[in-house]
Protein backbone atom coordinates (compact mmCIF):
# COMPACT_ATOMS: atom_id res chain seq x y z
CA UNK A 1 18.97 -5.30 -9.91
CA UNK A 2 16.23 -6.06 -7.85
CA UNK A 3 15.55 -10.22 -7.66
CA UNK A 4 11.62 -10.89 -7.52
CA UNK A 5 11.07 -14.58 -6.82
CA UNK A 6 7.81 -16.99 -6.98
CA UNK A 7 6.76 -16.12 -3.40
CA UNK A 8 7.79 -12.02 -3.67
CA UNK A 9 5.40 -12.21 -6.68
CA UNK A 10 2.67 -14.52 -5.37
CA UNK A 11 2.56 -12.35 -2.26
CA UNK A 12 2.61 -9.35 -4.67
CA UNK A 13 -0.35 -11.10 -6.11
CA UNK A 14 -2.53 -11.52 -3.53
CA UNK A 15 -2.38 -8.01 -2.16
CA UNK A 16 -3.51 -6.76 -5.68
CA UNK A 17 -6.46 -9.18 -5.38
CA UNK A 18 -7.40 -8.27 -2.03
CA UNK A 19 -7.32 -4.59 -2.40
CA UNK A 20 -9.64 -5.10 -5.44
CA UNK A 21 -12.05 -7.43 -3.06
CA UNK A 22 -11.89 -5.83 0.19
CA UNK A 23 -11.94 -1.74 -1.20
CA UNK A 24 -15.48 -1.81 -1.67
CA UNK A 25 -15.86 -1.61 2.28
CA UNK A 26 -16.33 1.46 4.14
CA UNK A 27 -15.89 2.72 0.21
CA UNK A 28 -17.67 6.54 -0.12
CA UNK A 29 -15.91 8.66 -3.51
CA UNK A 30 -12.68 10.38 -2.67
CA UNK A 31 -12.57 7.87 0.89
CA UNK A 32 -11.16 4.08 0.39
CA UNK A 33 -10.00 2.97 3.79
CA UNK A 34 -9.38 -0.64 2.91
CA UNK A 35 -6.63 0.45 0.40
CA UNK A 36 -4.34 2.51 2.43
CA UNK A 37 -4.55 -0.66 4.73
CA UNK A 38 -3.07 -2.42 1.39
CA UNK A 39 -0.41 0.07 0.34
CA UNK A 40 0.96 0.33 3.90
CA UNK A 41 1.07 -3.54 4.23
CA UNK A 42 2.46 -3.43 0.45
CA UNK A 43 5.01 -0.56 1.67
CA UNK A 44 6.50 -2.51 4.46
CA UNK A 45 6.74 -5.83 3.33
CA UNK A 46 8.35 -5.24 -0.62
CA UNK A 47 9.25 -1.73 -0.51
CA UNK A 48 8.41 1.39 -2.40
CA UNK A 49 8.82 0.17 -5.99
CA UNK A 50 6.55 -2.68 -5.41
CA UNK A 51 4.18 -0.94 -3.35
CA UNK A 52 3.92 1.65 -6.19
CA UNK A 53 3.23 -1.42 -8.57
CA UNK A 54 0.84 -3.08 -6.55
CA UNK A 55 -1.13 0.63 -5.79
CA UNK A 56 -1.09 0.79 -9.74
CA UNK A 57 -2.70 -2.17 -10.36
CA UNK A 58 -5.31 -2.37 -7.72
CA UNK A 59 -6.35 1.10 -9.24
CA UNK A 60 -6.40 0.01 -12.66
CA UNK A 61 -9.03 -3.06 -11.94
CA UNK A 62 -10.93 -1.08 -9.43
CA UNK A 63 -11.07 1.40 -12.88
CA UNK A 64 -11.79 -1.25 -15.17
CA UNK A 65 -13.53 -3.03 -13.68
CA UNK A 66 -15.62 -1.47 -11.23
CA UNK A 67 -16.12 1.58 -12.95
CA UNK A 68 -14.13 3.63 -10.15
CA UNK A 69 -12.86 7.13 -11.68
CA UNK A 70 -8.83 7.88 -11.46
CA UNK A 71 -8.95 8.74 -7.84
CA UNK A 72 -8.71 4.89 -7.65
CA UNK A 73 -5.18 5.93 -8.92
CA UNK A 74 -4.18 9.35 -7.91
CA UNK A 75 -5.66 8.56 -4.35
CA UNK A 76 -3.44 5.03 -4.14
CA UNK A 77 0.13 5.60 -5.92
CA UNK A 78 1.70 8.42 -3.79
CA UNK A 79 0.83 6.65 -0.52
CA UNK A 80 1.86 3.92 -1.36
CA UNK A 81 5.33 5.05 -2.28
CA UNK A 82 5.98 7.65 0.05
CA UNK A 83 5.35 4.82 2.32
CA UNK A 84 7.43 2.56 1.41
CA UNK A 85 10.30 5.54 1.33
CA UNK A 86 9.71 6.82 4.71
CA UNK A 87 9.42 3.19 6.09
CA UNK A 88 12.82 2.53 4.27
CA UNK A 89 14.84 6.05 5.74
CA UNK A 90 13.00 5.83 8.50
CA UNK A 91 14.99 2.26 9.45
CA UNK A 92 12.03 0.17 9.18
CA UNK A 93 9.20 2.16 11.81
CA UNK A 94 5.52 1.07 10.96
CA UNK A 95 4.31 4.89 12.77
CA UNK A 96 6.55 6.10 9.21
CA UNK A 97 4.73 3.92 6.86
CA UNK A 98 1.76 5.34 8.21
CA UNK A 99 2.46 9.36 7.77
CA UNK A 100 4.16 8.41 4.28
CA UNK A 101 0.75 6.92 3.78
CA UNK A 102 -1.23 9.79 5.30
CA UNK A 103 1.00 12.73 3.44
CA UNK A 104 1.06 10.80 0.20
CA UNK A 105 -2.40 9.99 -0.05
CA UNK A 106 -4.46 12.46 2.09
CA UNK A 107 -2.33 15.31 0.91
CA UNK A 108 -0.48 14.99 -2.53
CA UNK A 109 -2.66 12.48 -3.75
CA UNK A 110 -5.98 14.78 -3.12
CA UNK A 111 -4.46 17.74 -4.31
CA UNK A 112 -3.52 15.75 -7.93
CA UNK A 113 -6.42 14.72 -8.27
CA UNK A 114 -8.37 18.24 -8.31
CA UNK A 115 -7.00 18.59 -11.90
CA UNK A 116 -7.50 15.07 -12.82
CA UNK A 117 -10.88 14.99 -12.21
CA UNK A 118 -11.50 18.55 -13.34
CA UNK A 119 -9.47 18.64 -17.20
CA UNK A 120 -9.28 14.87 -17.69
CA UNK A 121 -13.25 13.97 -15.70
CA UNK A 122 -15.04 17.17 -16.15
CA UNK A 123 -15.92 17.84 -12.70
CA UNK A 124 -16.82 21.40 -12.56
CA UNK A 125 -16.85 23.66 -9.34
CA UNK A 126 -13.61 22.07 -7.38
CA UNK A 127 -11.66 23.95 -4.86
CA UNK A 128 -7.74 22.01 -4.95
CA UNK A 129 -8.64 21.11 -2.24
CA UNK A 130 -11.93 19.52 -2.39
CA UNK A 131 -10.56 16.24 -1.77
CA UNK A 132 -7.84 17.05 1.33
CA UNK A 133 -10.32 16.25 3.87
CA UNK A 134 -12.04 12.89 2.89
CA UNK A 135 -8.56 11.18 1.29
CA UNK A 136 -7.04 12.46 4.96
CA UNK A 137 -9.80 10.30 6.65
CA UNK A 138 -9.60 7.43 4.23
CA UNK A 139 -6.07 7.61 5.24
CA UNK A 140 -6.36 7.76 9.17
CA UNK A 141 -8.35 5.14 8.89
CA UNK A 142 -7.03 2.57 6.78
CA UNK A 143 -3.52 3.63 8.21
CA UNK A 144 -5.23 2.61 11.64
CA UNK A 145 -6.41 -0.49 10.75
CA UNK A 146 -2.70 -1.15 9.15
CA UNK A 147 -0.83 -0.25 12.07
CA UNK A 148 -2.83 -2.74 14.28
CA UNK A 149 -1.79 -5.35 12.31
CA UNK A 150 1.54 -4.71 11.52
CA UNK A 151 2.40 -3.57 15.28
CA UNK A 152 1.04 -7.28 16.24
CA UNK A 153 3.26 -8.99 13.24
CA UNK A 154 5.74 -7.28 14.79
CA UNK A 155 5.26 -8.41 18.40
CA UNK A 156 5.08 -11.62 17.08
CA UNK A 157 8.25 -11.59 15.32
CA UNK A 158 7.26 -11.92 11.67
CA UNK A 159 7.51 -9.21 10.04
CA UNK A 160 11.37 -9.22 9.54
CA UNK A 161 10.82 -13.09 8.58
CA UNK A 162 8.43 -12.75 5.65
CA UNK A 163 10.39 -9.66 4.83
CA UNK A 164 13.31 -12.11 4.20
CA UNK A 165 11.14 -14.74 2.64
CA UNK A 166 9.89 -11.89 0.46
CA UNK A 167 13.31 -10.92 -0.90
CA UNK A 168 14.84 -14.38 -1.78
CA UNK A 169 16.49 -15.38 1.34
CA UNK A 170 16.43 -19.00 1.41
CA UNK A 171 17.70 -19.55 4.99
CA UNK A 172 14.61 -18.39 6.49
CA UNK A 173 12.50 -21.12 5.05
CA UNK A 174 15.18 -23.85 5.12
CA UNK A 175 16.58 -25.13 8.43
CA UNK A 176 20.36 -26.68 7.80
CA UNK A 177 21.00 -29.84 9.61
CA UNK A 178 23.58 -31.00 9.86
CA UNK A 179 24.49 -35.54 10.10
CA UNK A 180 26.93 -36.36 12.37
CA UNK A 181 28.72 -39.67 11.54
CA UNK A 182 28.81 -41.94 14.13
């Protein structure tokens, strides 16, 4: 069973808040690059399950508060999850997280969006590949920004420290000191 500590939950909440606030930046229907930045960041720091939860919460909030169509969900949850899975199985390679987001959102999410938008939202005349170009463009933009950010954090040695702290490794935050008796 996964252990949720306060630090991990606060981090996930912060990602959800940032995802909702920055999602309108560069957004056009079917393309939300900043969501992909958050998805990849979540995948790297908290793993596939929690990245899925972060993407799900952002999508639900965006749909209910901002009136965004269900693309907010179909264009996020697959990419966040696959990004976390590929990051994990690749031995924690950032490029694998970016590729997971591109495949998960840019292809799988885009194709899943067709029946959702056609049959649930009533959008007629769409092809099942209609959303692929815009989803791919969005993931390339957001994925590039995420890669720049994460490679810089990796260079500074911060990714591993943050992952350890978010997984409840208390030794990261507290240094043990020994007091010697004279």
